[in-house]
Amino acid sequence: MSKKGNGRNTAIEIQDKAVEREQTVVQIGGKVFVQKPLAANVYFEYQRRITAQSPSIAIEWLMYEAYGLSDEQFGELKFREKGRLQSASKLAIADCN
């Protein structure tokens, strides 16, 4: 499809299909966590939270964002499970760069 604008022909492309992003699956023990695709601005929000709050609060926020965890689900995680999810979350934020 093309559109005429200001005496020039301007090409406009319309994408019919949604862009599919890879999903990361993290299995810890018997639990499976699916990381949802992160928006580009998540990296900047993560950095802002590290600066304004603390690294531990920032990584918890990132875990909520990346895996869609509820407060109840987060509370049920054992110490090691939280650590493994934190590591996977940090890898996810590195992919945003």
PDB file of N, CA and C in Angstrom:
ATOM      1  N   MET A   1       0.844  -1.154   0.000  1.00  0.00           N
ATOM      2  CA  MET A   1       0.000   0.000   0.000  1.00  0.00           C
ATOM      3  C   MET A   1       0.899   1.228   0.000  1.00  0.00           C
ATOM      4  N   SER A   2       0.574   2.230  -0.796  1.00  0.00           N
ATOM      5  CA  SER A   2       1.352   3.464  -0.762  1.00  0.00           C
ATOM      6  C   SER A   2       0.409   4.649  -0.617  1.00  0.00           C
ATOM      7  N   LYS A   3       0.925   5.713  -0.076  1.00  0.00           N
ATOM      8  CA  LYS A   3       0.132   6.901   0.202  1.00  0.00           C
ATOM      9  C   LYS A   3       0.899   8.099  -0.335  1.00  0.00           C
ATOM     10  N   LYS A   4       0.193   9.015  -0.983  1.00  0.00           N
ATOM     11  CA  LYS A   4       0.856  10.197  -1.518  1.00  0.00           C
ATOM     12  C   LYS A   4       0.836  11.282  -0.453  1.00  0.00           C
ATOM     13  N   GLY A   5       1.982  11.870  -0.181  1.00  0.00           N
ATOM     14  CA  GLY A   5       2.077  12.923   0.819  1.00  0.00           C
ATOM     15  C   GLY A   5       3.107  13.952   0.415  1.00  0.00           C
ATOM     16  N   ASN A   6       2.734  15.216   0.362  1.00  0.00           N
ATOM     17  CA  ASN A   6       3.634  16.326   0.017  1.00  0.00           C
ATOM     18  C   ASN A   6       4.324  16.122  -1.335  1.00  0.00           C
ATOM     19  N   GLY A   7       3.608  15.609  -2.303  1.00  0.00           N
ATOM     20  CA  GLY A   7       4.187  15.429  -3.620  1.00  0.00           C
ATOM     21  C   GLY A   7       5.122  14.243  -3.741  1.00  0.00           C
ATOM     22  N   ARG A   8       5.272  13.477  -2.709  1.00  0.00           N
ATOM     23  CA  ARG A   8       6.140  12.293  -2.729  1.00  0.00           C
ATOM     24  C   ARG A   8       5.306  11.051  -2.444  1.00  0.00           C
ATOM     25  N   ASN A   9       5.798   9.958  -2.913  1.00  0.00           N
ATOM     26  CA  ASN A   9       5.155   8.692  -2.571  1.00  0.00           C
ATOM     27  C   ASN A   9       5.809   8.142  -1.319  1.00  0.00           C
ATOM     28  N   THR A  10       5.009   7.886  -0.344  1.00  0.00           N
ATOM     29  CA  THR A  10       5.506   7.356   0.916  1.00  0.00           C
ATOM     30  C   THR A  10       4.976   5.943   1.073  1.00  0.00           C
ATOM     31  N   ALA A  11       5.847   5.021   1.315  1.00  0.00           N
ATOM     32  CA  ALA A  11       5.430   3.624   1.485  1.00  0.00           C
ATOM     33  C   ALA A  11       4.998   3.401   2.924  1.00  0.00           C
ATOM     34  N   ILE A  12       3.858   2.795   3.061  1.00  0.00           N
ATOM     35  CA  ILE A  12       3.348   2.434   4.382  1.00  0.00           C
ATOM     36  C   ILE A  12       3.153   0.928   4.386  1.00  0.00           C
ATOM     37  N   GLU A  13       3.811   0.280   5.310  1.00  0.00           N
ATOM     38  CA  GLU A  13       3.656  -1.163   5.424  1.00  0.00           C
ATOM     39  C   GLU A  13       2.770  -1.485   6.606  1.00  0.00           C
ATOM     40  N   ILE A  14       1.861  -2.383   6.385  1.00  0.00           N
ATOM     41  CA  ILE A  14       0.979  -2.831   7.457  1.00  0.00           C
ATOM     42  C   ILE A  14       1.323  -4.281   7.756  1.00  0.00           C
ATOM     43  N   GLN A  15       1.641  -4.531   9.011  1.00  0.00           N
ATOM     44  CA  GLN A  15       2.012  -5.882   9.410  1.00  0.00           C
ATOM     45  C   GLN A  15       0.757  -6.612   9.865  1.00  0.00           C
ATOM     46  N   ASP A  16       0.460  -7.723   9.209  1.00  0.00           N
ATOM     47  CA  ASP A  16      -0.740  -8.486   9.524  1.00  0.00           C
ATOM     48  C   ASP A  16      -0.562  -9.401  10.723  1.00  0.00           C
ATOM     49  N   LYS A  17       0.633  -9.900  10.902  1.00  0.00           N
ATOM     50  CA  LYS A  17       0.870 -10.868  11.968  1.00  0.00           C
ATOM     51  C   LYS A  17       1.509 -10.194  13.174  1.00  0.00           C
ATOM     52  N   ALA A  18       1.141 -10.651  14.335  1.00  0.00           N
ATOM     53  CA  ALA A  18       1.765 -10.153  15.563  1.00  0.00           C
ATOM     54  C   ALA A  18       3.170 -10.733  15.673  1.00  0.00           C
ATOM     55  N   VAL A  19       4.063  -9.958  16.211  1.00  0.00           N
ATOM     56  CA  VAL A  19       5.433 -10.429  16.406  1.00  0.00           C
ATOM     57  C   VAL A  19       5.439 -11.431  17.550  1.00  0.00           C
ATOM     58  N   GLU A  20       5.984 -12.602  17.283  1.00  0.00           N
ATOM     59  CA  GLU A  20       6.036 -13.627  18.321  1.00  0.00           C
ATOM     60  C   GLU A  20       7.395 -13.586  18.999  1.00  0.00           C
ATOM     61  N   ARG A  21       7.373 -13.540  20.307  1.00  0.00           N
ATOM     62  CA  ARG A  21       8.607 -13.508  21.083  1.00  0.00           C
ATOM     63  C   ARG A  21       8.800 -14.855  21.762  1.00  0.00           C
ATOM     64  N   GLU A  22      10.056 -15.183  21.959  1.00  0.00           N
ATOM     65  CA  GLU A  22      10.361 -16.436  22.642  1.00  0.00           C
ATOM     66  C   GLU A  22       9.990 -16.334  24.112  1.00  0.00           C
ATOM     67  N   GLN A  23       9.508 -17.435  24.652  1.00  0.00           N
ATOM     68  CA  GLN A  23       9.209 -17.489  26.077  1.00  0.00           C
ATOM     69  C   GLN A  23      10.268 -18.347  26.756  1.00  0.00           C
ATOM     70  N   THR A  24      10.701 -17.891  27.895  1.00  0.00           N
ATOM     71  CA  THR A  24      11.672 -18.635  28.670  1.00  0.00           C
ATOM     72  C   THR A  24      10.932 -19.393  29.761  1.00  0.00           C
ATOM     73  N   VAL A  25      11.207 -20.667  29.859  1.00  0.00           N
ATOM     74  CA  VAL A  25      10.583 -21.498  30.887  1.00  0.00           C
ATOM     75  C   VAL A  25      11.659 -21.869  31.903  1.00  0.00           C
ATOM     76  N   VAL A  26      11.371 -21.594  33.168  1.00  0.00           N
ATOM     77  CA  VAL A  26      12.297 -21.912  34.249  1.00  0.00           C
ATOM     78  C   VAL A  26      11.639 -22.971  35.116  1.00  0.00           C
ATOM     79  N   GLN A  27      12.288 -24.121  35.262  1.00  0.00           N
ATOM     80  CA  GLN A  27      11.758 -25.183  36.107  1.00  0.00           C
ATOM     81  C   GLN A  27      12.631 -25.295  37.340  1.00  0.00           C
ATOM     82  N   ILE A  28      11.992 -25.160  38.486  1.00  0.00           N
ATOM     83  CA  ILE A  28      12.689 -25.261  39.767  1.00  0.00           C
ATOM     84  C   ILE A  28      11.960 -26.318  40.579  1.00  0.00           C
ATOM     85  N   GLY A  29      12.606 -27.437  40.761  1.00  0.00           N
ATOM     86  CA  GLY A  29      11.940 -28.535  41.459  1.00  0.00           C
ATOM     87  C   GLY A  29      10.734 -28.978  40.647  1.00  0.00           C
ATOM     88  N   GLY A  30       9.577 -29.024  41.281  1.00  0.00           N
ATOM     89  CA  GLY A  30       8.351 -29.404  40.595  1.00  0.00           C
ATOM     90  C   GLY A  30       7.571 -28.216  40.064  1.00  0.00           C
ATOM     91  N   LYS A  31       8.091 -27.015  40.246  1.00  0.00           N
ATOM     92  CA  LYS A  31       7.383 -25.810  39.817  1.00  0.00           C
ATOM     93  C   LYS A  31       7.940 -25.315  38.486  1.00  0.00           C
ATOM     94  N   VAL A  32       7.040 -24.844  37.637  1.00  0.00           N
ATOM     95  CA  VAL A  32       7.432 -24.312  36.337  1.00  0.00           C
ATOM     96  C   VAL A  32       6.994 -22.853  36.263  1.00  0.00           C
ATOM     97  N   PHE A  33       7.914 -21.995  35.869  1.00  0.00           N
ATOM     98  CA  PHE A  33       7.633 -20.571  35.726  1.00  0.00           C
ATOM     99  C   PHE A  33       7.880 -20.181  34.277  1.00  0.00           C
ATOM    100  N   VAL A  34       6.926 -19.489  33.679  1.00  0.00           N
ATOM    101  CA  VAL A  34       7.065 -19.032  32.305  1.00  0.00           C
ATOM    102  C   VAL A  34       7.289 -17.528  32.336  1.00  0.00           C
ATOM    103  N   GLN A  35       8.413 -17.139  31.780  1.00  0.00           N
ATOM    104  CA  GLN A  35       8.741 -15.715  31.752  1.00  0.00           C
ATOM    105  C   GLN A  35       8.009 -15.071  30.590  1.00  0.00           C
ATOM    106  N   LYS A  36       7.225 -14.056  30.877  1.00  0.00           N
ATOM    107  CA  LYS A  36       6.530 -13.366  29.799  1.00  0.00           C
ATOM    108  C   LYS A  36       7.489 -12.387  29.125  1.00  0.00           C
ATOM    109  N   PRO A  37       7.223 -12.048  27.864  1.00  0.00           N
ATOM    110  CA  PRO A  37       8.094 -11.091  27.174  1.00  0.00           C
ATOM    111  C   PRO A  37       8.081  -9.747  27.893  1.00  0.00           C
ATOM    112  N   LEU A  38       9.240  -9.169  28.081  1.00  0.00           N
ATOM    113  CA  LEU A  38       9.350  -7.897  28.783  1.00  0.00           C
ATOM    114  C   LEU A  38       9.372  -6.740  27.796  1.00  0.00           C
ATOM    115  N   ALA A  39       8.699  -5.661  28.163  1.00  0.00           N
ATOM    116  CA  ALA A  39       8.709  -4.453  27.348  1.00  0.00           C
ATOM    117  C   ALA A  39      10.088  -3.799  27.430  1.00  0.00           C
ATOM    118  N   ALA A  40      10.394  -2.989  26.454  1.00  0.00           N
ATOM    119  CA  ALA A  40      11.710  -2.348  26.404  1.00  0.00           C
ATOM    120  C   ALA A  40      11.952  -1.410  27.580  1.00  0.00           C
ATOM    121  N   ASN A  41      10.901  -0.805  28.090  1.00  0.00           N
ATOM    122  CA  ASN A  41      11.084   0.162  29.180  1.00  0.00           C
ATOM    123  C   ASN A  41      11.317  -0.506  30.535  1.00  0.00           C
ATOM    124  N   VAL A  42      11.211  -1.823  30.616  1.00  0.00           N
ATOM    125  CA  VAL A  42      11.419  -2.530  31.879  1.00  0.00           C
ATOM    126  C   VAL A  42      12.853  -2.338  32.372  1.00  0.00           C
ATOM    127  N   TYR A  43      13.802  -2.345  31.453  1.00  0.00           N
ATOM    128  CA  TYR A  43      15.204  -2.154  31.839  1.00  0.00           C
ATOM    129  C   TYR A  43      15.397  -0.814  32.554  1.00  0.00           C
ATOM    130  N   PHE A  44      14.800   0.244  32.004  1.00  0.00           N
ATOM    131  CA  PHE A  44      14.965   1.575  32.588  1.00  0.00           C
ATOM    132  C   PHE A  44      14.261   1.690  33.935  1.00  0.00           C
ATOM    133  N   GLU A  45      13.104   1.056  34.048  1.00  0.00           N
ATOM    134  CA  GLU A  45      12.397   1.059  35.335  1.00  0.00           C
ATOM    135  C   GLU A  45      13.196   0.280  36.379  1.00  0.00           C
ATOM    136  N   TYR A  46      13.794  -0.827  35.962  1.00  0.00           N
ATOM    137  CA  TYR A  46      14.636  -1.624  36.855  1.00  0.00           C
ATOM    138  C   TYR A  46      15.819  -0.787  37.352  1.00  0.00           C
ATOM    139  N   GLN A  47      16.495  -0.087  36.447  1.00  0.00           N
ATOM    140  CA  GLN A  47      17.627   0.758  36.833  1.00  0.00           C
ATOM    141  C   GLN A  47      17.187   1.887  37.764  1.00  0.00           C
ATOM    142  N   ARG A  48      16.009   2.460  37.498  1.00  0.00           N
ATOM    143  CA  ARG A  48      15.490   3.530  38.348  1.00  0.00           C
ATOM    144  C   ARG A  48      15.237   3.015  39.757  1.00  0.00           C
ATOM    145  N   ARG A  49      14.673   1.817  39.858  1.00  0.00           N
ATOM    146  CA  ARG A  49      14.390   1.245  41.174  1.00  0.00           C
ATOM    147  C   ARG A  49      15.674   0.905  41.935  1.00  0.00           C
ATOM    148  N   ILE A  50      16.706   0.468  41.225  1.00  0.00           N
ATOM    149  CA  ILE A  50      17.990   0.207  41.888  1.00  0.00           C
ATOM    150  C   ILE A  50      18.515   1.496  42.504  1.00  0.00           C
ATOM    151  N   THR A  51      18.431   2.585  41.747  1.00  0.00           N
ATOM    152  CA  THR A  51      18.948   3.873  42.205  1.00  0.00           C
ATOM    153  C   THR A  51      18.081   4.478  43.305  1.00  0.00           C
ATOM    154  N   ALA A  52      16.760   4.483  43.093  1.00  0.00           N
ATOM    155  CA  ALA A  52      15.855   5.165  44.019  1.00  0.00           C
ATOM    156  C   ALA A  52      15.543   4.342  45.263  1.00  0.00           C
ATOM    157  N   GLN A  53      15.516   3.014  45.130  1.00  0.00           N
ATOM    158  CA  GLN A  53      15.135   2.178  46.266  1.00  0.00           C
ATOM    159  C   GLN A  53      16.329   1.341  46.701  1.00  0.00           C
ATOM    160  N   SER A  54      16.389   0.111  46.230  1.00  0.00           N
ATOM    161  CA  SER A  54      17.534  -0.750  46.543  1.00  0.00           C
ATOM    162  C   SER A  54      17.574  -1.898  45.539  1.00  0.00           C
ATOM    163  N   PRO A  55      18.730  -2.530  45.385  1.00  0.00           N
ATOM    164  CA  PRO A  55      18.820  -3.658  44.451  1.00  0.00           C
ATOM    165  C   PRO A  55      17.863  -4.799  44.795  1.00  0.00           C
ATOM    166  N   SER A  56      17.654  -5.071  46.082  1.00  0.00           N
ATOM    167  CA  SER A  56      16.765  -6.185  46.447  1.00  0.00           C
ATOM    168  C   SER A  56      15.318  -5.878  46.077  1.00  0.00           C
ATOM    169  N   ILE A  57      14.885  -4.644  46.259  1.00  0.00           N
ATOM    170  CA  ILE A  57      13.521  -4.263  45.873  1.00  0.00           C
ATOM    171  C   ILE A  57      13.386  -4.303  44.354  1.00  0.00           C
ATOM    172  N   ALA A  58      14.415  -3.845  43.653  1.00  0.00           N
ATOM    173  CA  ALA A  58      14.382  -3.836  42.190  1.00  0.00           C
ATOM    174  C   ALA A  58      14.272  -5.251  41.630  1.00  0.00           C
ATOM    175  N   ILE A  59      15.024  -6.194  42.186  1.00  0.00           N
ATOM    176  CA  ILE A  59      14.978  -7.560  41.663  1.00  0.00           C
ATOM    177  C   ILE A  59      13.650  -8.233  41.998  1.00  0.00           C
ATOM    178  N   GLU A  60      13.075  -7.930  43.153  1.00  0.00           N
ATOM    179  CA  GLU A  60      11.749  -8.473  43.468  1.00  0.00           C
ATOM    180  C   GLU A  60      10.713  -7.928  42.499  1.00  0.00           C
ATOM    181  N   TRP A  61      10.771  -6.634  42.213  1.00  0.00           N
ATOM    182  CA  TRP A  61       9.848  -6.031  41.257  1.00  0.00           C
ATOM    183  C   TRP A  61      10.001  -6.708  39.899  1.00  0.00           C
ATOM    184  N   LEU A  62      11.253  -6.954  39.497  1.00  0.00           N
ATOM    185  CA  LEU A  62      11.511  -7.594  38.212  1.00  0.00           C
ATOM    186  C   LEU A  62      10.926  -9.002  38.169  1.00  0.00           C
ATOM    187  N   MET A  63      11.007  -9.722  39.270  1.00  0.00           N
ATOM    188  CA  MET A  63      10.438 -11.071  39.323  1.00  0.00           C
ATOM    189  C   MET A  63       8.925 -11.021  39.157  1.00  0.00           C
ATOM    190  N   TYR A  64       8.283 -10.046  39.786  1.00  0.00           N
ATOM    191  CA  TYR A  64       6.839  -9.879  39.611  1.00  0.00           C
ATOM    192  C   TYR A  64       6.516  -9.577  38.145  1.00  0.00           C
ATOM    193  N   GLU A  65       7.293  -8.696  37.519  1.00  0.00           N
ATOM    194  CA  GLU A  65       7.063  -8.311  36.127  1.00  0.00           C
ATOM    195  C   GLU A  65       7.323  -9.468  35.165  1.00  0.00           C
ATOM    196  N   ALA A  66       8.430 -10.153  35.338  1.00  0.00           N
ATOM    197  CA  ALA A  66       8.839 -11.188  34.389  1.00  0.00           C
ATOM    198  C   ALA A  66       7.969 -12.437  34.458  1.00  0.00           C
ATOM    199  N   TYR A  67       7.553 -12.808  35.649  1.00  0.00           N
ATOM    200  CA  TYR A  67       6.835 -14.073  35.807  1.00  0.00           C
ATOM    201  C   TYR A  67       5.382 -13.903  36.202  1.00  0.00           C
ATOM    202  N   GLY A  68       4.924 -12.683  36.412  1.00  0.00           N
ATOM    203  CA  GLY A  68       3.533 -12.441  36.771  1.00  0.00           C
ATOM    204  C   GLY A  68       3.151 -13.088  38.090  1.00  0.00           C
ATOM    205  N   LEU A  69       4.081 -13.123  39.025  1.00  0.00           N
ATOM    206  CA  LEU A  69       3.818 -13.745  40.327  1.00  0.00           C
ATOM    207  C   LEU A  69       2.884 -12.879  41.162  1.00  0.00           C
ATOM    208  N   SER A  70       2.010 -13.527  41.892  1.00  0.00           N
ATOM    209  CA  SER A  70       1.188 -12.812  42.866  1.00  0.00           C
ATOM    210  C   SER A  70       1.956 -12.761  44.185  1.00  0.00           C
ATOM    211  N   ASP A  71       1.487 -11.938  45.115  1.00  0.00           N
ATOM    212  CA  ASP A  71       2.138 -11.862  46.429  1.00  0.00           C
ATOM    213  C   ASP A  71       2.122 -13.223  47.119  1.00  0.00           C
ATOM    214  N   GLU A  72       1.014 -13.948  46.948  1.00  0.00           N
ATOM    215  CA  GLU A  72       0.877 -15.267  47.578  1.00  0.00           C
ATOM    216  C   GLU A  72       1.889 -16.253  46.998  1.00  0.00           C
ATOM    217  N   GLN A  73       2.010 -16.262  45.668  1.00  0.00           N
ATOM    218  CA  GLN A  73       2.966 -17.162  45.025  1.00  0.00           C
ATOM    219  C   GLN A  73       4.397 -16.816  45.424  1.00  0.00           C
ATOM    220  N   PHE A  74       4.688 -15.529  45.494  1.00  0.00           N
ATOM    221  CA  PHE A  74       6.034 -15.108  45.874  1.00  0.00           C
ATOM    222  C   PHE A  74       6.346 -15.527  47.304  1.00  0.00           C
ATOM    223  N   GLY A  75       5.362 -15.425  48.189  1.00  0.00           N
ATOM    224  CA  GLY A  75       5.549 -15.807  49.585  1.00  0.00           C
ATOM    225  C   GLY A  75       5.763 -17.298  49.770  1.00  0.00           C
ATOM    226  N   GLU A  76       5.216 -18.102  48.859  1.00  0.00           N
ATOM    227  CA  GLU A  76       5.344 -19.556  48.953  1.00  0.00           C
ATOM    228  C   GLU A  76       6.698 -20.072  48.462  1.00  0.00           C
ATOM    229  N   LEU A  77       7.449 -19.242  47.754  1.00  0.00           N
ATOM    230  CA  LEU A  77       8.746 -19.682  47.238  1.00  0.00           C
ATOM    231  C   LEU A  77       9.742 -19.886  48.369  1.00  0.00           C
ATOM    232  N   LYS A  78      10.512 -20.942  48.256  1.00  0.00           N
ATOM    233  CA  LYS A  78      11.575 -21.189  49.226  1.00  0.00           C
ATOM    234  C   LYS A  78      12.775 -20.311  48.873  1.00  0.00           C
ATOM    235  N   PHE A  79      13.697 -20.212  49.801  1.00  0.00           N
ATOM    236  CA  PHE A  79      14.860 -19.341  49.628  1.00  0.00           C
ATOM    237  C   PHE A  79      15.630 -19.660  48.342  1.00  0.00           C
ATOM    238  N   ARG A  80      15.893 -20.943  48.100  1.00  0.00           N
ATOM    239  CA  ARG A  80      16.648 -21.347  46.905  1.00  0.00           C
ATOM    240  C   ARG A  80      15.863 -21.069  45.633  1.00  0.00           C
ATOM    241  N   GLU A  81      14.544 -21.286  45.691  1.00  0.00           N
ATOM    242  CA  GLU A  81      13.712 -21.020  44.517  1.00  0.00           C
ATOM    243  C   GLU A  81      13.750 -19.532  44.166  1.00  0.00           C
ATOM    244  N   LYS A  82      13.693 -18.688  45.185  1.00  0.00           N
ATOM    245  CA  LYS A  82      13.775 -17.243  44.945  1.00  0.00           C
ATOM    246  C   LYS A  82      15.114 -16.886  44.309  1.00  0.00           C
ATOM    247  N   GLY A  83      16.180 -17.500  44.804  1.00  0.00           N
ATOM    248  CA  GLY A  83      17.510 -17.230  44.257  1.00  0.00           C
ATOM    249  C   GLY A  83      17.629 -17.631  42.803  1.00  0.00           C
ATOM    250  N   ARG A  84      17.073 -18.773  42.454  1.00  0.00           N
ATOM    251  CA  ARG A  84      17.147 -19.233  41.065  1.00  0.00           C
ATOM    252  C   ARG A  84      16.304 -18.356  40.149  1.00  0.00           C
ATOM    253  N   LEU A  85      15.138 -17.947  40.637  1.00  0.00           N
ATOM    254  CA  LEU A  85      14.306 -17.043  39.842  1.00  0.00           C
ATOM    255  C   LEU A  85      14.973 -15.680  39.689  1.00  0.00           C
ATOM    256  N   GLN A  86      15.642 -15.233  40.741  1.00  0.00           N
ATOM    257  CA  GLN A  86      16.357 -13.958  40.652  1.00  0.00           C
ATOM    258  C   GLN A  86      17.439 -14.028  39.580  1.00  0.00           C
ATOM    259  N   SER A  87      18.163 -15.132  39.537  1.00  0.00           N
ATOM    260  CA  SER A  87      19.210 -15.299  38.524  1.00  0.00           C
ATOM    261  C   SER A  87      18.616 -15.282  37.123  1.00  0.00           C
ATOM    262  N   ALA A  88      17.515 -15.991  36.942  1.00  0.00           N
ATOM    263  CA  ALA A  88      16.857 -16.020  35.634  1.00  0.00           C
ATOM    264  C   ALA A  88      16.310 -14.644  35.273  1.00  0.00           C
ATOM    265  N   SER A  89      15.827 -13.906  36.268  1.00  0.00           N
ATOM    266  CA  SER A  89      15.298 -12.562  36.022  1.00  0.00           C
ATOM    267  C   SER A  89      16.406 -11.615  35.593  1.00  0.00           C
ATOM    268  N   LYS A  90      17.574 -11.751  36.212  1.00  0.00           N
ATOM    269  CA  LYS A  90      18.707 -10.898  35.830  1.00  0.00           C
ATOM    270  C   LYS A  90      19.137 -11.185  34.396  1.00  0.00           C
ATOM    271  N   LEU A  91      19.050 -12.441  33.981  1.00  0.00           N
ATOM    272  CA  LEU A  91      19.363 -12.769  32.594  1.00  0.00           C
ATOM    273  C   LEU A  91      18.335 -12.150  31.663  1.00  0.00           C
ATOM    274  N   ALA A  92      17.073 -12.126  32.104  1.00  0.00           N
ATOM    275  CA  ALA A  92      16.010 -11.543  31.287  1.00  0.00           C
ATOM    276  C   ALA A  92      16.237 -10.054  31.089  1.00  0.00           C
ATOM    277  N   ILE A  93      16.665  -9.370  32.141  1.00  0.00           N
ATOM    278  CA  ILE A  93      16.897  -7.926  32.034  1.00  0.00           C
ATOM    279  C   ILE A  93      18.120  -7.651  31.171  1.00  0.00           C
ATOM    280  N   ALA A  94      19.077  -8.563  31.174  1.00  0.00           N
ATOM    281  CA  ALA A  94      20.257  -8.396  30.320  1.00  0.00           C
ATOM    282  C   ALA A  94      19.871  -8.489  28.847  1.00  0.00           C
ATOM    283  N   ASP A  95      18.830  -9.279  28.542  1.00  0.00           N
ATOM    284  CA  ASP A  95      18.354  -9.401  27.166  1.00  0.00           C
ATOM    285  C   ASP A  95      17.675  -8.133  26.681  1.00  0.00           C
ATOM    286  N   CYS A  96      17.194  -7.299  27.600  1.00  0.00           N
ATOM    287  CA  CYS A  96      16.524  -6.050  27.230  1.00  0.00           C
ATOM    288  C   CYS A  96      17.513  -5.014  26.722  1.00  0.00           C
ATOM    289  N   ASN A  97      18.772  -5.146  27.096  1.00  0.00           N
ATOM    290  CA  ASN A  97      19.778  -4.135  26.693  1.00  0.00           C
ATOM    291  C   ASN A  97      19.982  -4.152  25.210  1.00  0.00           C
TER     292      ASN A  97
END
